[in-house]
Protein backbone atom coordinates (compact mmCIF):
# COMPACT_ATOMS: atom_id res chain seq x y z
CA UNK A 1 0.00 0.00 0.00
CA UNK A 2 1.29 3.47 -0.92
CA UNK A 3 1.84 5.83 1.96
CA UNK A 4 0.00 9.15 1.64
CA UNK A 5 2.15 12.27 1.50
CA UNK A 6 1.71 14.49 4.55
CA UNK A 7 0.46 17.31 2.25
CA UNK A 8 -2.72 15.36 1.49
CA UNK A 9 -3.21 14.08 5.01
CA UNK A 10 -2.86 17.64 6.33
CA UNK A 11 -4.75 19.33 3.48
CA UNK A 12 -6.66 22.44 4.46
CA UNK A 13 -10.24 21.51 5.33
CA UNK A 14 -13.41 23.55 5.80
CA UNK A 15 -13.15 25.34 9.12
CA UNK A 16 -9.38 25.85 8.82
CA UNK A 17 -7.93 29.26 8.10
CA UNK A 18 -6.12 29.56 4.81
CA UNK A 19 -2.37 29.95 5.05
CA UNK A 20 -0.88 33.36 4.34
CA UNK A 21 0.98 33.71 1.08
CA UNK A 22 2.41 36.34 -1.19
CA UNK A 23 2.94 35.50 -4.86
CA UNK A 24 3.96 37.47 -7.92
CA UNK A 25 1.29 37.78 -10.61
CA UNK A 26 2.16 37.07 -14.23
CA UNK A 27 1.62 40.80 -14.80
CA UNK A 28 4.39 41.64 -12.30
CA UNK A 29 2.95 42.93 -9.00
CA UNK A 30 2.97 40.90 -5.82
CA UNK A 31 -0.43 39.75 -4.53
CA UNK A 32 -1.42 38.67 -1.03
CA UNK A 33 -4.78 38.00 0.63
CA UNK A 34 -3.88 40.98 2.86
CA UNK A 35 -4.47 43.17 -0.22
CA UNK A 36 -8.20 42.31 -0.02
CA UNK A 37 -9.16 42.63 3.64
CA UNK A 38 -12.76 41.64 4.39
CA UNK A 39 -13.29 39.84 1.07
CA UNK A 40 -14.05 36.21 0.38
CA UNK A 41 -11.77 34.26 -1.93
CA UNK A 42 -12.10 31.64 -4.63
CA UNK A 43 -8.68 30.07 -4.99
CA UNK A 44 -8.30 27.96 -8.12
CA UNK A 45 -5.13 25.90 -8.20
CA UNK A 46 -3.91 24.38 -11.47
CA UNK A 47 -1.83 21.27 -11.93
CA UNK A 48 0.89 20.54 -14.47
CA UNK A 49 -1.52 18.80 -16.85
CA UNK A 50 -4.20 21.57 -16.97
CA UNK A 51 -6.88 19.11 -17.92
CA UNK A 52 -9.99 20.00 -19.89
CA UNK A 53 -11.99 20.15 -16.64
CA UNK A 54 -9.74 22.90 -15.25
CA UNK A 55 -9.94 24.89 -18.48
CA UNK A 56 -13.75 24.57 -18.52
CA UNK A 57 -13.98 25.67 -14.87
CA UNK A 58 -11.88 28.76 -15.64
CA UNK A 59 -14.11 29.61 -18.62
CA UNK A 60 -17.16 29.32 -16.37
CA UNK A 61 -15.63 31.46 -13.63
CA UNK A 62 -14.64 34.04 -16.26
CA UNK A 63 -18.28 34.13 -17.43
CA UNK A 64 -19.53 34.45 -13.85
CA UNK A 65 -16.92 37.04 -12.88
CA UNK A 66 -19.35 40.01 -12.73
CA UNK A 67 -21.59 38.06 -10.31
CA UNK A 68 -18.60 36.94 -8.26
CA UNK A 69 -17.39 40.54 -7.88
CA UNK A 70 -20.90 41.63 -6.81
CA UNK A 71 -20.67 39.04 -4.04
CA UNK A 72 -17.50 40.76 -2.75
CA UNK A 73 -15.37 37.76 -3.65
CA UNK A 74 -11.88 37.76 -5.14
CA UNK A 75 -10.95 34.89 -7.47
CA UNK A 76 -7.25 34.06 -7.73
CA UNK A 77 -5.69 31.54 -10.11
CA UNK A 78 -2.59 29.93 -8.61
CA UNK A 79 -0.34 28.14 -11.09
CA UNK A 80 2.81 26.16 -10.27
CA UNK A 81 6.09 27.44 -11.64
CA UNK A 82 9.46 25.70 -11.78
CA UNK A 83 12.05 27.98 -10.19
CA UNK A 84 14.90 26.69 -12.36
CA UNK A 85 13.19 26.88 -15.75
CA UNK A 86 10.45 29.46 -15.21
CA UNK A 87 7.97 27.01 -16.77
CA UNK A 88 4.50 28.05 -15.62
CA UNK A 89 1.42 25.81 -15.70
CA UNK A 90 -1.13 28.36 -16.89
CA UNK A 91 -4.09 27.04 -18.89
CA UNK A 92 -4.72 28.77 -22.24
CA UNK A 93 -7.80 30.57 -20.84
CA UNK A 94 -7.72 34.35 -20.35
CA UNK A 95 -9.23 35.38 -17.02
CA UNK A 96 -10.04 38.88 -15.67
CA UNK A 97 -8.49 38.21 -12.27
CA UNK A 98 -4.93 37.71 -10.99
CA UNK A 99 -2.92 34.71 -12.18
CA UNK A 100 -0.25 34.02 -9.57
CA UNK A 101 3.12 32.26 -9.96
CA UNK A 102 3.60 29.58 -7.30
CA UNK A 103 7.36 28.95 -7.47
CA UNK A 104 8.14 25.31 -6.66
CA UNK A 105 4.41 24.83 -5.82
CA UNK A 106 4.98 25.90 -2.20
CA UNK A 107 1.47 27.37 -1.82
CA UNK A 108 -0.02 24.27 -3.50
CA UNK A 109 1.67 22.14 -0.83
CA UNK A 110 0.61 24.50 1.99
CA UNK A 111 -3.03 24.01 0.99
CA UNK A 112 -2.69 20.32 0.07
CA UNK A 113 -3.48 21.05 -3.60
CA UNK A 114 -1.36 18.11 -4.77
CA UNK A 115 -1.85 14.56 -6.02
CA UNK A 116 -0.72 11.33 -4.34
CA UNK A 117 2.73 11.78 -5.88
CA UNK A 118 3.05 15.25 -4.33
CA UNK A 119 2.70 17.05 -7.68
CA UNK A 120 0.46 20.15 -8.05
CA UNK A 121 -3.13 19.16 -8.82
CA UNK A 122 -6.26 21.14 -9.74
CA UNK A 123 -8.13 22.23 -6.62
CA UNK A 124 -10.66 24.85 -5.51
CA UNK A 125 -11.00 26.56 -2.13
CA UNK A 126 -13.61 29.14 -1.13
CA UNK A 127 -13.13 31.20 2.02
CA UNK A 128 -15.32 33.44 4.09
CA UNK A 129 -14.35 37.05 4.74
CA UNK A 130 -12.28 35.94 7.78
CA UNK A 131 -10.18 33.72 5.45
CA UNK A 132 -11.71 30.58 6.92
CA UNK A 133 -12.12 27.84 4.31
CA UNK A 134 -15.80 27.06 3.82
CA UNK A 135 -15.46 24.83 0.75
CA UNK A 136 -12.73 22.75 -0.81
CA UNK A 137 -12.39 20.31 -3.69
CA UNK A 138 -9.08 18.50 -4.20
CA UNK A 139 -8.74 16.56 -7.42
CA UNK A 140 -5.72 14.88 -5.80
CA UNK A 141 -8.18 13.22 -3.40
CA UNK A 142 -10.59 12.52 -6.27
CA UNK A 143 -13.00 15.20 -5.07
CA UNK A 144 -15.03 16.61 -7.95
CA UNK A 145 -14.23 20.22 -8.87
CA UNK A 146 -17.34 22.43 -8.82
CA UNK A 147 -18.73 24.06 -11.93
CA UNK A 148 -18.73 27.84 -12.25
CA UNK A 149 -22.50 27.85 -11.68
CA UNK A 150 -22.09 25.83 -8.49
CA UNK A 151 -19.52 28.33 -7.21
CA UNK A 152 -21.87 31.25 -7.88
CA UNK A 153 -24.72 29.34 -6.19
CA UNK A 154 -22.52 28.79 -3.15
CA UNK A 155 -21.77 32.50 -2.98
CA UNK A 156 -25.29 33.81 -3.63
CA UNK A 157 -27.87 31.48 -2.19
CA UNK A 158 -26.66 29.96 1.05
CA UNK A 159 -26.58 32.74 3.65
CA UNK A 160 -25.59 30.96 6.85
CA UNK A 161 -24.26 33.43 9.41
CA UNK A 162 -20.64 33.40 10.52
CA UNK A 163 -20.37 32.16 14.10
CA UNK A 164 -17.70 34.81 14.85
CA UNK A 165 -19.35 38.00 13.62
CA UNK A 166 -22.88 37.20 12.40
CA UNK A 167 -22.11 38.23 8.79
CA UNK A 168 -23.50 35.90 6.12
CA UNK A 169 -21.06 33.20 4.97
CA UNK A 170 -23.34 32.30 2.08
CA UNK A 171 -21.87 28.81 2.10
CA UNK A 172 -22.24 26.20 4.81
C-alpha atoms as a PDB file:
ATOM      1  CA  UNK A   1       0.000   0.000   0.000  1.00  0.00           C
ATOM      2  CA  UNK A   2       1.295   3.469  -0.923  1.00  0.00           C
ATOM      3  CA  UNK A   3       1.838   5.834   1.961  1.00  0.00           C
ATOM      4  CA  UNK A   4       0.005   9.150   1.635  1.00  0.00           C
ATOM      5  CA  UNK A   5       2.152  12.269   1.504  1.00  0.00           C
ATOM      6  CA  UNK A   6       1.711  14.490   4.546  1.00  0.00           C
ATOM      7  CA  UNK A   7       0.457  17.315   2.245  1.00  0.00           C
ATOM      8  CA  UNK A   8      -2.722  15.361   1.487  1.00  0.00           C
ATOM      9  CA  UNK A   9      -3.207  14.080   5.006  1.00  0.00           C
ATOM     10  CA  UNK A  10      -2.864  17.638   6.327  1.00  0.00           C
ATOM     11  CA  UNK A  11      -4.752  19.328   3.477  1.00  0.00           C
ATOM     12  CA  UNK A  12      -6.658  22.444   4.458  1.00  0.00           C
ATOM     13  CA  UNK A  13     -10.244  21.510   5.325  1.00  0.00           C
ATOM     14  CA  UNK A  14     -13.414  23.550   5.796  1.00  0.00           C
ATOM     15  CA  UNK A  15     -13.149  25.341   9.123  1.00  0.00           C
ATOM     16  CA  UNK A  16      -9.375  25.848   8.820  1.00  0.00           C
ATOM     17  CA  UNK A  17      -7.930  29.263   8.096  1.00  0.00           C
ATOM     18  CA  UNK A  18      -6.121  29.555   4.809  1.00  0.00           C
ATOM     19  CA  UNK A  19      -2.370  29.948   5.046  1.00  0.00           C
ATOM     20  CA  UNK A  20      -0.876  33.363   4.342  1.00  0.00           C
ATOM     21  CA  UNK A  21       0.977  33.709   1.080  1.00  0.00           C
ATOM     22  CA  UNK A  22       2.415  36.340  -1.192  1.00  0.00           C
ATOM     23  CA  UNK A  23       2.940  35.502  -4.860  1.00  0.00           C
ATOM     24  CA  UNK A  24       3.956  37.473  -7.921  1.00  0.00           C
ATOM     25  CA  UNK A  25       1.293  37.779 -10.605  1.00  0.00           C
ATOM     26  CA  UNK A  26       2.157  37.071 -14.229  1.00  0.00           C
ATOM     27  CA  UNK A  27       1.621  40.804 -14.798  1.00  0.00           C
ATOM     28  CA  UNK A  28       4.387  41.640 -12.301  1.00  0.00           C
ATOM     29  CA  UNK A  29       2.950  42.934  -8.997  1.00  0.00           C
ATOM     30  CA  UNK A  30       2.974  40.896  -5.820  1.00  0.00           C
ATOM     31  CA  UNK A  31      -0.434  39.752  -4.534  1.00  0.00           C
ATOM     32  CA  UNK A  32      -1.416  38.666  -1.033  1.00  0.00           C
ATOM     33  CA  UNK A  33      -4.781  38.004   0.632  1.00  0.00           C
ATOM     34  CA  UNK A  34      -3.877  40.983   2.859  1.00  0.00           C
ATOM     35  CA  UNK A  35      -4.469  43.168  -0.215  1.00  0.00           C
ATOM     36  CA  UNK A  36      -8.197  42.314  -0.025  1.00  0.00           C
ATOM     37  CA  UNK A  37      -9.159  42.634   3.643  1.00  0.00           C
ATOM     38  CA  UNK A  38     -12.755  41.644   4.392  1.00  0.00           C
ATOM     39  CA  UNK A  39     -13.294  39.840   1.073  1.00  0.00           C
ATOM     40  CA  UNK A  40     -14.053  36.213   0.380  1.00  0.00           C
ATOM     41  CA  UNK A  41     -11.773  34.257  -1.935  1.00  0.00           C
ATOM     42  CA  UNK A  42     -12.103  31.639  -4.625  1.00  0.00           C
ATOM     43  CA  UNK A  43      -8.678  30.068  -4.985  1.00  0.00           C
ATOM     44  CA  UNK A  44      -8.300  27.963  -8.121  1.00  0.00           C
ATOM     45  CA  UNK A  45      -5.126  25.898  -8.201  1.00  0.00           C
ATOM     46  CA  UNK A  46      -3.909  24.379 -11.468  1.00  0.00           C
ATOM     47  CA  UNK A  47      -1.832  21.274 -11.933  1.00  0.00           C
ATOM     48  CA  UNK A  48       0.886  20.537 -14.474  1.00  0.00           C
ATOM     49  CA  UNK A  49      -1.520  18.800 -16.853  1.00  0.00           C
ATOM     50  CA  UNK A  50      -4.204  21.569 -16.971  1.00  0.00           C
ATOM     51  CA  UNK A  51      -6.884  19.109 -17.925  1.00  0.00           C
ATOM     52  CA  UNK A  52      -9.986  20.004 -19.891  1.00  0.00           C
ATOM     53  CA  UNK A  53     -11.989  20.154 -16.640  1.00  0.00           C
ATOM     54  CA  UNK A  54      -9.738  22.898 -15.252  1.00  0.00           C
ATOM     55  CA  UNK A  55      -9.942  24.892 -18.481  1.00  0.00           C
ATOM     56  CA  UNK A  56     -13.749  24.566 -18.515  1.00  0.00           C
ATOM     57  CA  UNK A  57     -13.980  25.669 -14.869  1.00  0.00           C
ATOM     58  CA  UNK A  58     -11.877  28.757 -15.642  1.00  0.00           C
ATOM     59  CA  UNK A  59     -14.111  29.614 -18.622  1.00  0.00           C
ATOM     60  CA  UNK A  60     -17.162  29.321 -16.372  1.00  0.00           C
ATOM     61  CA  UNK A  61     -15.629  31.463 -13.625  1.00  0.00           C
ATOM     62  CA  UNK A  62     -14.639  34.040 -16.257  1.00  0.00           C
ATOM     63  CA  UNK A  63     -18.280  34.133 -17.430  1.00  0.00           C
ATOM     64  CA  UNK A  64     -19.530  34.449 -13.847  1.00  0.00           C
ATOM     65  CA  UNK A  65     -16.919  37.045 -12.876  1.00  0.00           C
ATOM     66  CA  UNK A  66     -19.346  40.011 -12.733  1.00  0.00           C
ATOM     67  CA  UNK A  67     -21.595  38.064 -10.311  1.00  0.00           C
ATOM     68  CA  UNK A  68     -18.604  36.937  -8.262  1.00  0.00           C
ATOM     69  CA  UNK A  69     -17.394  40.538  -7.881  1.00  0.00           C
ATOM     70  CA  UNK A  70     -20.900  41.635  -6.814  1.00  0.00           C
ATOM     71  CA  UNK A  71     -20.668  39.036  -4.039  1.00  0.00           C
ATOM     72  CA  UNK A  72     -17.498  40.758  -2.754  1.00  0.00           C
ATOM     73  CA  UNK A  73     -15.373  37.757  -3.649  1.00  0.00           C
ATOM     74  CA  UNK A  74     -11.881  37.764  -5.138  1.00  0.00           C
ATOM     75  CA  UNK A  75     -10.946  34.895  -7.467  1.00  0.00           C
ATOM     76  CA  UNK A  76      -7.246  34.061  -7.731  1.00  0.00           C
ATOM     77  CA  UNK A  77      -5.687  31.539 -10.114  1.00  0.00           C
ATOM     78  CA  UNK A  78      -2.589  29.930  -8.610  1.00  0.00           C
ATOM     79  CA  UNK A  79      -0.336  28.144 -11.093  1.00  0.00           C
ATOM     80  CA  UNK A  80       2.806  26.164 -10.266  1.00  0.00           C
ATOM     81  CA  UNK A  81       6.089  27.440 -11.637  1.00  0.00           C
ATOM     82  CA  UNK A  82       9.458  25.701 -11.777  1.00  0.00           C
ATOM     83  CA  UNK A  83      12.047  27.980 -10.187  1.00  0.00           C
ATOM     84  CA  UNK A  84      14.901  26.687 -12.358  1.00  0.00           C
ATOM     85  CA  UNK A  85      13.190  26.884 -15.751  1.00  0.00           C
ATOM     86  CA  UNK A  86      10.447  29.464 -15.213  1.00  0.00           C
ATOM     87  CA  UNK A  87       7.966  27.008 -16.770  1.00  0.00           C
ATOM     88  CA  UNK A  88       4.498  28.054 -15.623  1.00  0.00           C
ATOM     89  CA  UNK A  89       1.420  25.807 -15.695  1.00  0.00           C
ATOM     90  CA  UNK A  90      -1.133  28.359 -16.893  1.00  0.00           C
ATOM     91  CA  UNK A  91      -4.094  27.037 -18.891  1.00  0.00           C
ATOM     92  CA  UNK A  92      -4.720  28.771 -22.236  1.00  0.00           C
ATOM     93  CA  UNK A  93      -7.800  30.566 -20.843  1.00  0.00           C
ATOM     94  CA  UNK A  94      -7.724  34.349 -20.351  1.00  0.00           C
ATOM     95  CA  UNK A  95      -9.226  35.376 -17.016  1.00  0.00           C
ATOM     96  CA  UNK A  96     -10.042  38.877 -15.667  1.00  0.00           C
ATOM     97  CA  UNK A  97      -8.492  38.206 -12.270  1.00  0.00           C
ATOM     98  CA  UNK A  98      -4.930  37.713 -10.992  1.00  0.00           C
ATOM     99  CA  UNK A  99      -2.924  34.713 -12.175  1.00  0.00           C
ATOM    100  CA  UNK A 100      -0.246  34.024  -9.570  1.00  0.00           C
ATOM    101  CA  UNK A 101       3.118  32.259  -9.957  1.00  0.00           C
ATOM    102  CA  UNK A 102       3.595  29.580  -7.297  1.00  0.00           C
ATOM    103  CA  UNK A 103       7.357  28.952  -7.466  1.00  0.00           C
ATOM    104  CA  UNK A 104       8.136  25.313  -6.656  1.00  0.00           C
ATOM    105  CA  UNK A 105       4.409  24.835  -5.819  1.00  0.00           C
ATOM    106  CA  UNK A 106       4.980  25.899  -2.203  1.00  0.00           C
ATOM    107  CA  UNK A 107       1.473  27.371  -1.819  1.00  0.00           C
ATOM    108  CA  UNK A 108      -0.020  24.269  -3.497  1.00  0.00           C
ATOM    109  CA  UNK A 109       1.669  22.138  -0.830  1.00  0.00           C
ATOM    110  CA  UNK A 110       0.609  24.495   1.995  1.00  0.00           C
ATOM    111  CA  UNK A 111      -3.033  24.011   0.991  1.00  0.00           C
ATOM    112  CA  UNK A 112      -2.694  20.320   0.074  1.00  0.00           C
ATOM    113  CA  UNK A 113      -3.484  21.047  -3.600  1.00  0.00           C
ATOM    114  CA  UNK A 114      -1.357  18.111  -4.766  1.00  0.00           C
ATOM    115  CA  UNK A 115      -1.852  14.563  -6.018  1.00  0.00           C
ATOM    116  CA  UNK A 116      -0.717  11.328  -4.342  1.00  0.00           C
ATOM    117  CA  UNK A 117       2.733  11.780  -5.879  1.00  0.00           C
ATOM    118  CA  UNK A 118       3.052  15.248  -4.325  1.00  0.00           C
ATOM    119  CA  UNK A 119       2.703  17.054  -7.681  1.00  0.00           C
ATOM    120  CA  UNK A 120       0.458  20.151  -8.048  1.00  0.00           C
ATOM    121  CA  UNK A 121      -3.133  19.156  -8.822  1.00  0.00           C
ATOM    122  CA  UNK A 122      -6.257  21.141  -9.739  1.00  0.00           C
ATOM    123  CA  UNK A 123      -8.131  22.233  -6.616  1.00  0.00           C
ATOM    124  CA  UNK A 124     -10.658  24.847  -5.511  1.00  0.00           C
ATOM    125  CA  UNK A 125     -10.998  26.556  -2.135  1.00  0.00           C
ATOM    126  CA  UNK A 126     -13.614  29.139  -1.131  1.00  0.00           C
ATOM    127  CA  UNK A 127     -13.135  31.202   2.018  1.00  0.00           C
ATOM    128  CA  UNK A 128     -15.324  33.439   4.090  1.00  0.00           C
ATOM    129  CA  UNK A 129     -14.346  37.045   4.741  1.00  0.00           C
ATOM    130  CA  UNK A 130     -12.275  35.940   7.776  1.00  0.00           C
ATOM    131  CA  UNK A 131     -10.179  33.720   5.453  1.00  0.00           C
ATOM    132  CA  UNK A 132     -11.715  30.576   6.919  1.00  0.00           C
ATOM    133  CA  UNK A 133     -12.117  27.839   4.305  1.00  0.00           C
ATOM    134  CA  UNK A 134     -15.797  27.062   3.821  1.00  0.00           C
ATOM    135  CA  UNK A 135     -15.463  24.826   0.746  1.00  0.00           C
ATOM    136  CA  UNK A 136     -12.728  22.746  -0.811  1.00  0.00           C
ATOM    137  CA  UNK A 137     -12.388  20.306  -3.688  1.00  0.00           C
ATOM    138  CA  UNK A 138      -9.081  18.498  -4.203  1.00  0.00           C
ATOM    139  CA  UNK A 139      -8.745  16.559  -7.422  1.00  0.00           C
ATOM    140  CA  UNK A 140      -5.716  14.882  -5.798  1.00  0.00           C
ATOM    141  CA  UNK A 141      -8.176  13.223  -3.397  1.00  0.00           C
ATOM    142  CA  UNK A 142     -10.588  12.515  -6.270  1.00  0.00           C
ATOM    143  CA  UNK A 143     -12.997  15.200  -5.068  1.00  0.00           C
ATOM    144  CA  UNK A 144     -15.029  16.614  -7.952  1.00  0.00           C
ATOM    145  CA  UNK A 145     -14.233  20.216  -8.866  1.00  0.00           C
ATOM    146  CA  UNK A 146     -17.340  22.426  -8.819  1.00  0.00           C
ATOM    147  CA  UNK A 147     -18.735  24.064 -11.925  1.00  0.00           C
ATOM    148  CA  UNK A 148     -18.728  27.839 -12.249  1.00  0.00           C
ATOM    149  CA  UNK A 149     -22.496  27.846 -11.677  1.00  0.00           C
ATOM    150  CA  UNK A 150     -22.088  25.835  -8.490  1.00  0.00           C
ATOM    151  CA  UNK A 151     -19.518  28.330  -7.212  1.00  0.00           C
ATOM    152  CA  UNK A 152     -21.869  31.245  -7.882  1.00  0.00           C
ATOM    153  CA  UNK A 153     -24.717  29.342  -6.193  1.00  0.00           C
ATOM    154  CA  UNK A 154     -22.515  28.788  -3.147  1.00  0.00           C
ATOM    155  CA  UNK A 155     -21.771  32.501  -2.984  1.00  0.00           C
ATOM    156  CA  UNK A 156     -25.285  33.813  -3.635  1.00  0.00           C
ATOM    157  CA  UNK A 157     -27.868  31.476  -2.186  1.00  0.00           C
ATOM    158  CA  UNK A 158     -26.657  29.962   1.053  1.00  0.00           C
ATOM    159  CA  UNK A 159     -26.577  32.741   3.651  1.00  0.00           C
ATOM    160  CA  UNK A 160     -25.589  30.960   6.852  1.00  0.00           C
ATOM    161  CA  UNK A 161     -24.256  33.425   9.408  1.00  0.00           C
ATOM    162  CA  UNK A 162     -20.635  33.397  10.522  1.00  0.00           C
ATOM    163  CA  UNK A 163     -20.369  32.162  14.104  1.00  0.00           C
ATOM    164  CA  UNK A 164     -17.703  34.805  14.853  1.00  0.00           C
ATOM    165  CA  UNK A 165     -19.353  37.999  13.621  1.00  0.00           C
ATOM    166  CA  UNK A 166     -22.885  37.201  12.401  1.00  0.00           C
ATOM    167  CA  UNK A 167     -22.107  38.235   8.789  1.00  0.00           C
ATOM    168  CA  UNK A 168     -23.500  35.900   6.117  1.00  0.00           C
ATOM    169  CA  UNK A 169     -21.064  33.204   4.971  1.00  0.00           C
ATOM    170  CA  UNK A 170     -23.336  32.300   2.081  1.00  0.00           C
ATOM    171  CA  UNK A 171     -21.866  28.812   2.100  1.00  0.00           C
ATOM    172  CA  UNK A 172     -22.240  26.198   4.814  1.00  0.00           C
END
